[in-house]
Amino acid sequence: MDYIVSFLDNLEFEKRYSKRTIVSYQTDILQFQQYCTSIGIVEKQFLLVDSKLVRSWVVFLLESGCSNRSVNRKISTLKSFYKYLLRQGYVNVNPLVKVDSLKINKKLPVFVTQNQIQQLFDVIDFGADFLGCRNKLVIELFYNTGIRRSELINIKCNDIDRINLTLKVLGKRNKERFIPITLSMIKAIDNYMEQQKKELDEPSDYLFITEKGTKMYPNLVYRIVKTALSLVTTLDKRGPHVLRHTFATHMLNNGAEISAIKELLGHSNLAATQVYTHNTFEKLKKIHKQAHPRA
């Protein structure tokens, strides 16, 4: 029996993981299997590995130049894989139970300042044609909603509720959520769609499209955001996720509750959202240092 295929099918059909996530799981497991083979462990023994062998694989990965973060992802993959095998009765013990994740230094989310965002929307001329309206709307929607790139790409025209001023997006694991949008955002969307009608012979179901009328693709969205952000910031990272970080940081700095930001971002737990409090705390420390007489 191919245990790996069985596990990946479970991820796809039972847990509804994305294709990209499934490929990552498959890559990690095959890498571990290749390591086992390289040290003389055949396929049947692959099911009988212990924590000692897993730790030797971790050392091998680190010596090969793999980062702690990448190693932790691979450990997490194996934990899920062997947990599945244990549940199905293919193994008697999960060898990952005694394997701990590596410590990593948390990186603070990179974000654009409010002045830079204001400059981007008030000073930069995107143009009034189809491409100009589309590109500006991409930036506006990222900053005003904090949605992910994949969520933006998959927005359909009927996902916009003009009466209740909400946007429906399909997040990770096909979870739907509704995000409030402003009346000015609705006007920007309507303006863009007017330009879209002039450009296309037939309307598209998807909100964001290419000049050929096809659904936008990830690299195009990345280029649009990077080009725009390059006009106002010298940050090394200038992709769509920076605007997601910027949305969350600005909301928090302006008084939004972290639980509300969690819901808007579509995080499954509060821990993923709490990383943004570090940016706010750094801002408080800076203010304290500047304002306190004994700081």
Protein backbone atom coordinates (compact mmCIF):
# COMPACT_ATOMS: atom_id res chain seq x y z
CA MET A 1 0.00 0.00 0.00
CA ASP A 2 1.22 3.53 -0.77
CA TYR A 3 0.84 5.20 2.63
CA ILE A 4 1.97 8.58 1.33
CA VAL A 5 -0.71 8.68 -1.39
CA SER A 6 -3.33 7.66 1.16
CA PHE A 7 -2.25 10.47 3.49
CA LEU A 8 -2.23 13.09 0.70
CA ASP A 9 -5.69 11.97 -0.44
CA ASN A 10 -6.88 12.51 3.14
CA LEU A 11 -5.50 16.06 3.08
CA GLU A 12 -7.16 16.82 -0.25
CA PHE A 13 -10.58 15.21 0.12
CA GLU A 14 -11.17 15.15 3.87
CA LYS A 15 -9.34 18.23 5.15
CA ARG A 16 -9.73 20.24 1.92
CA TYR A 17 -6.15 21.54 1.93
CA SER A 18 -4.99 23.61 -1.03
CA LYS A 19 -2.95 22.00 -3.82
CA ARG A 20 0.04 24.14 -2.87
CA THR A 21 -0.07 22.91 0.74
CA ILE A 22 -0.43 19.28 -0.36
CA VAL A 23 2.62 19.60 -2.62
CA SER A 24 4.62 20.95 0.33
CA TYR A 25 3.56 17.99 2.48
CA GLN A 26 4.45 15.56 -0.29
CA THR A 27 7.88 17.15 -0.81
CA ASP A 28 8.73 16.97 2.91
CA ILE A 29 7.68 13.33 3.26
CA LEU A 30 9.53 12.24 0.12
CA GLN A 31 12.66 14.01 1.38
CA PHE A 32 12.44 12.06 4.63
CA GLN A 33 11.85 8.84 2.73
CA GLN A 34 14.90 9.52 0.55
CA TYR A 35 16.99 10.13 3.67
CA CYS A 36 15.82 6.81 5.12
CA THR A 37 16.73 5.05 1.88
CA SER A 38 20.16 6.69 1.83
CA ILE A 39 21.03 5.15 5.19
CA GLY A 40 19.76 1.72 4.24
CA ILE A 41 16.15 1.79 5.45
CA VAL A 42 13.83 0.11 2.95
CA GLU A 43 10.17 0.95 2.41
CA LYS A 44 8.71 -1.38 5.05
CA GLN A 45 11.14 -0.13 7.69
CA PHE A 46 10.02 3.40 6.83
CA LEU A 47 6.99 2.68 9.04
CA LEU A 48 9.17 1.56 11.95
CA VAL A 49 11.42 4.60 12.37
CA ASP A 50 12.01 6.00 15.85
CA SER A 51 12.60 9.49 17.28
CA LYS A 52 16.37 8.95 17.21
CA LEU A 53 16.32 8.53 13.43
CA VAL A 54 14.10 11.59 13.00
CA ARG A 55 16.55 13.67 15.07
CA SER A 56 19.42 12.46 12.88
CA TRP A 57 17.44 13.67 9.86
CA VAL A 58 16.97 17.06 11.52
CA VAL A 59 20.74 17.30 12.06
CA PHE A 60 21.29 16.34 8.42
CA LEU A 61 18.90 19.11 7.28
CA LEU A 62 20.61 21.72 9.42
CA GLU A 63 24.06 20.69 8.19
CA SER A 64 22.73 20.95 4.63
CA GLY A 65 21.89 24.62 5.22
CA CYS A 66 18.16 24.30 5.92
CA SER A 67 16.84 27.08 8.15
CA ASN A 68 15.22 26.39 11.54
CA ARG A 69 11.90 27.60 10.18
CA SER A 70 12.03 25.19 7.22
CA VAL A 71 13.07 22.31 9.48
CA ASN A 72 10.13 23.04 11.79
CA ARG A 73 7.76 22.89 8.85
CA LYS A 74 9.14 19.49 7.88
CA ILE A 75 8.84 18.25 11.47
CA SER A 76 5.22 19.44 11.49
CA THR A 77 4.58 17.57 8.24
CA LEU A 78 5.98 14.33 9.65
CA LYS A 79 3.94 14.77 12.83
CA SER A 80 0.76 14.99 10.78
CA PHE A 81 1.82 12.07 8.58
CA TYR A 82 2.60 9.70 11.45
CA LYS A 83 -0.46 10.84 13.38
CA TYR A 84 -2.52 9.78 10.36
CA LEU A 85 -0.67 6.42 10.12
CA LEU A 86 -1.27 5.83 13.84
CA ARG A 87 -4.97 6.66 13.47
CA GLN A 88 -5.27 4.22 10.57
CA GLY A 89 -3.48 1.47 12.49
CA TYR A 90 -0.47 1.33 10.14
CA VAL A 91 1.98 2.13 12.98
CA ASN A 92 1.84 1.56 16.72
CA VAL A 93 3.82 4.62 17.82
CA ASN A 94 4.22 8.15 16.49
CA PRO A 95 8.02 8.68 16.45
CA LEU A 96 7.55 12.46 16.34
CA VAL A 97 5.98 12.67 19.82
CA LYS A 98 9.40 13.10 21.43
CA VAL A 99 10.78 15.40 18.72
CA ASP A 100 10.57 19.11 19.60
CA SER A 101 10.53 21.99 17.15
CA LEU A 102 13.59 24.19 16.90
CA LYS A 103 13.70 27.67 18.38
CA ILE A 104 13.42 30.48 15.87
CA ASN A 105 13.81 34.22 16.18
CA LYS A 106 10.48 35.84 15.45
CA LYS A 107 10.65 38.43 12.71
CA LEU A 108 8.37 41.41 13.09
CA PRO A 109 5.97 41.89 10.18
CA VAL A 110 7.20 44.44 7.64
CA PHE A 111 4.74 47.26 6.97
CA VAL A 112 4.44 50.59 5.17
CA THR A 113 3.91 53.78 7.21
CA GLN A 114 0.62 55.67 7.13
CA ASN A 115 2.33 58.66 5.49
CA GLN A 116 3.65 56.43 2.73
CA ILE A 117 0.22 54.90 2.17
CA GLN A 118 -1.31 58.38 1.99
CA GLN A 119 1.31 59.39 -0.54
CA LEU A 120 0.61 56.28 -2.58
CA PHE A 121 -3.09 57.06 -2.93
CA ASP A 122 -3.04 60.88 -2.98
CA VAL A 123 0.10 61.67 -4.97
CA ILE A 124 0.86 58.75 -7.29
CA ASP A 125 -1.01 58.82 -10.60
CA PHE A 126 -2.07 55.32 -11.63
CA GLY A 127 -3.95 56.53 -14.71
CA ALA A 128 -7.66 56.60 -15.52
CA ASP A 129 -7.72 53.76 -18.08
CA PHE A 130 -8.51 50.09 -17.46
CA LEU A 131 -5.02 49.13 -16.27
CA GLY A 132 -4.65 52.21 -14.08
CA CYS A 133 -8.02 51.69 -12.38
CA ARG A 134 -7.37 47.97 -11.95
CA ASN A 135 -3.90 48.38 -10.47
CA LYS A 136 -4.97 51.09 -8.04
CA LEU A 137 -7.98 49.04 -6.96
CA VAL A 138 -5.72 46.05 -6.28
CA ILE A 139 -3.63 48.19 -3.91
CA GLU A 140 -6.70 49.78 -2.29
CA LEU A 141 -8.40 46.45 -1.69
CA PHE A 142 -5.30 44.89 -0.14
CA TYR A 143 -4.81 47.85 2.20
CA ASN A 144 -8.49 48.34 3.08
CA THR A 145 -9.31 44.69 3.77
CA GLY A 146 -6.06 42.84 4.58
CA ILE A 147 -7.00 39.94 2.31
CA ARG A 148 -4.48 37.44 0.96
CA ARG A 149 -3.28 37.41 -2.65
CA SER A 150 -5.10 34.13 -3.39
CA GLU A 151 -8.30 35.61 -1.95
CA LEU A 152 -8.05 38.72 -4.12
CA ILE A 153 -7.46 36.69 -7.28
CA ASN A 154 -10.57 34.59 -6.66
CA ILE A 155 -13.00 37.45 -5.95
CA LYS A 156 -16.01 37.23 -8.25
CA CYS A 157 -18.19 40.17 -9.21
CA ASN A 158 -21.16 38.75 -7.31
CA ASP A 159 -19.08 38.54 -4.11
CA ILE A 160 -19.56 42.30 -3.67
CA ASP A 161 -22.65 43.26 -1.66
CA ARG A 162 -23.39 46.89 -2.50
CA ILE A 163 -26.34 47.10 -0.12
CA ASN A 164 -24.66 45.77 3.03
CA LEU A 165 -21.20 47.07 2.00
CA THR A 166 -19.46 43.72 2.42
CA LEU A 167 -17.03 41.60 0.41
CA LYS A 168 -17.14 37.82 0.50
CA VAL A 169 -13.79 36.06 0.22
CA LEU A 170 -12.82 32.40 0.21
CA GLY A 171 -9.94 31.86 2.62
CA LYS A 172 -7.75 28.93 3.60
CA ARG A 173 -9.45 25.53 3.67
CA ASN A 174 -12.37 27.04 1.71
CA LYS A 175 -13.58 29.08 4.69
CA GLU A 176 -15.83 31.97 3.69
CA ARG A 177 -15.73 35.26 5.53
CA PHE A 178 -17.36 38.64 4.99
CA ILE A 179 -15.31 41.81 5.22
CA PRO A 180 -16.81 45.31 5.51
CA ILE A 181 -15.91 47.75 2.75
CA THR A 182 -16.55 51.47 2.47
CA LEU A 183 -18.82 53.33 0.08
CA SER A 184 -15.76 54.93 -1.51
CA MET A 185 -14.40 51.43 -2.16
CA ILE A 186 -17.68 50.51 -3.87
CA LYS A 187 -17.32 53.59 -6.07
CA ALA A 188 -13.75 52.60 -6.96
CA ILE A 189 -14.94 49.10 -7.86
CA ASP A 190 -17.78 50.46 -10.01
CA ASN A 191 -15.41 52.86 -11.77
CA TYR A 192 -13.02 50.00 -12.52
CA MET A 193 -15.84 47.81 -13.82
CA GLU A 194 -16.93 50.58 -16.18
CA GLN A 195 -13.40 50.63 -17.61
CA GLN A 196 -13.48 46.84 -17.77
CA LYS A 197 -16.62 46.92 -19.95
CA LYS A 198 -14.85 49.17 -22.43
CA GLU A 199 -11.92 46.76 -22.57
CA LEU A 200 -13.78 43.46 -22.93
CA ASP A 201 -16.28 42.10 -25.42
CA GLU A 202 -17.70 39.70 -22.84
CA PRO A 203 -17.90 40.32 -19.07
CA SER A 204 -15.91 38.09 -16.70
CA ASP A 205 -17.16 36.38 -13.55
CA TYR A 206 -13.94 37.41 -11.82
CA LEU A 207 -13.40 40.95 -10.60
CA PHE A 208 -9.72 41.20 -11.45
CA ILE A 209 -8.68 40.19 -14.95
CA THR A 210 -5.83 40.61 -17.41
CA GLU A 211 -5.94 42.67 -20.60
CA LYS A 212 -6.95 39.46 -22.42
CA GLY A 213 -9.93 38.99 -20.14
CA THR A 214 -8.52 36.03 -18.24
CA LYS A 215 -8.37 35.66 -14.47
CA MET A 216 -5.40 37.42 -12.89
CA TYR A 217 -2.48 35.24 -11.81
CA PRO A 218 -0.23 35.48 -8.70
CA ASN A 219 2.92 36.85 -10.38
CA LEU A 220 0.97 39.66 -12.05
CA VAL A 221 -0.56 40.71 -8.71
CA TYR A 222 2.89 40.64 -7.13
CA ARG A 223 4.36 42.85 -9.87
CA ILE A 224 1.54 45.37 -9.54
CA VAL A 225 2.04 45.71 -5.79
CA LYS A 226 5.83 45.77 -5.96
CA THR A 227 5.82 48.46 -8.65
CA ALA A 228 3.44 50.64 -6.64
CA LEU A 229 5.21 50.24 -3.30
CA SER A 230 8.59 50.93 -4.93
CA LEU A 231 7.36 54.47 -5.54
CA VAL A 232 6.97 55.22 -1.82
CA THR A 233 9.24 52.87 0.15
CA THR A 234 12.68 51.28 0.02
CA LEU A 235 11.66 48.19 2.00
CA ASP A 236 13.27 44.98 0.79
CA LYS A 237 9.91 43.22 0.85
CA ARG A 238 7.25 44.93 -1.26
CA GLY A 239 4.77 42.19 -2.09
CA PRO A 240 1.03 41.80 -1.36
CA HIS A 241 1.67 40.36 2.11
CA VAL A 242 3.32 43.63 3.14
CA LEU A 243 -0.03 45.36 2.54
CA ARG A 244 -1.75 42.69 4.64
CA HIS A 245 0.74 43.40 7.44
CA THR A 246 0.23 47.14 6.93
CA PHE A 247 -3.55 46.80 7.21
CA ALA A 248 -3.31 44.88 10.50
CA THR A 249 -0.64 47.15 12.02
CA HIS A 250 -2.47 50.37 11.14
CA MET A 251 -5.76 48.98 12.47
CA LEU A 252 -4.10 48.02 15.75
CA ASN A 253 -2.28 51.33 16.08
CA ASN A 254 -5.56 53.18 15.58
CA GLY A 255 -7.44 51.37 18.33
CA ALA A 256 -8.94 48.23 16.75
CA GLU A 257 -9.32 45.22 19.04
CA ILE A 258 -7.00 42.36 18.19
CA SER A 259 -9.92 39.89 18.18
CA ALA A 260 -11.60 41.95 15.43
CA ILE A 261 -8.39 42.01 13.39
CA LYS A 262 -8.18 38.22 13.77
CA GLU A 263 -11.63 37.83 12.21
CA LEU A 264 -10.88 40.27 9.40
CA LEU A 265 -7.62 38.51 8.52
CA GLY A 266 -9.23 35.08 8.65
CA HIS A 267 -6.76 33.70 11.20
CA SER A 268 -7.77 30.40 12.79
CA ASN A 269 -6.28 31.36 16.17
CA LEU A 270 -5.34 34.52 18.03
CA ALA A 271 -1.63 33.59 18.25
CA ALA A 272 -1.21 34.27 14.52
CA THR A 273 -2.63 37.77 14.98
CA GLN A 274 -0.70 38.66 18.13
CA VAL A 275 2.52 39.08 16.15
CA TYR A 276 1.21 42.53 15.18
CA THR A 277 1.16 43.65 18.81
CA HIS A 278 4.97 43.59 18.73
CA ASN A 279 4.99 46.43 16.21
CA THR A 280 2.63 48.41 18.41
CA PHE A 281 4.81 47.74 21.46
CA GLU A 282 7.90 48.93 19.58
CA LYS A 283 6.01 52.14 18.78
CA LEU A 284 5.08 52.58 22.46
CA LYS A 285 8.72 52.08 23.50
CA LYS A 286 9.81 54.73 21.00
CA ILE A 287 7.20 57.19 22.29
CA HIS A 288 8.21 56.46 25.89
CA LYS A 289 11.87 57.05 25.11
CA GLN A 290 11.11 60.35 23.39
CA ALA A 291 8.61 61.68 25.94
CA HIS A 292 9.65 60.42 29.38
CA PRO A 293 12.09 62.73 31.18
CA ARG A 294 14.11 59.84 32.61
CA ALA A 295 13.94 57.52 29.61
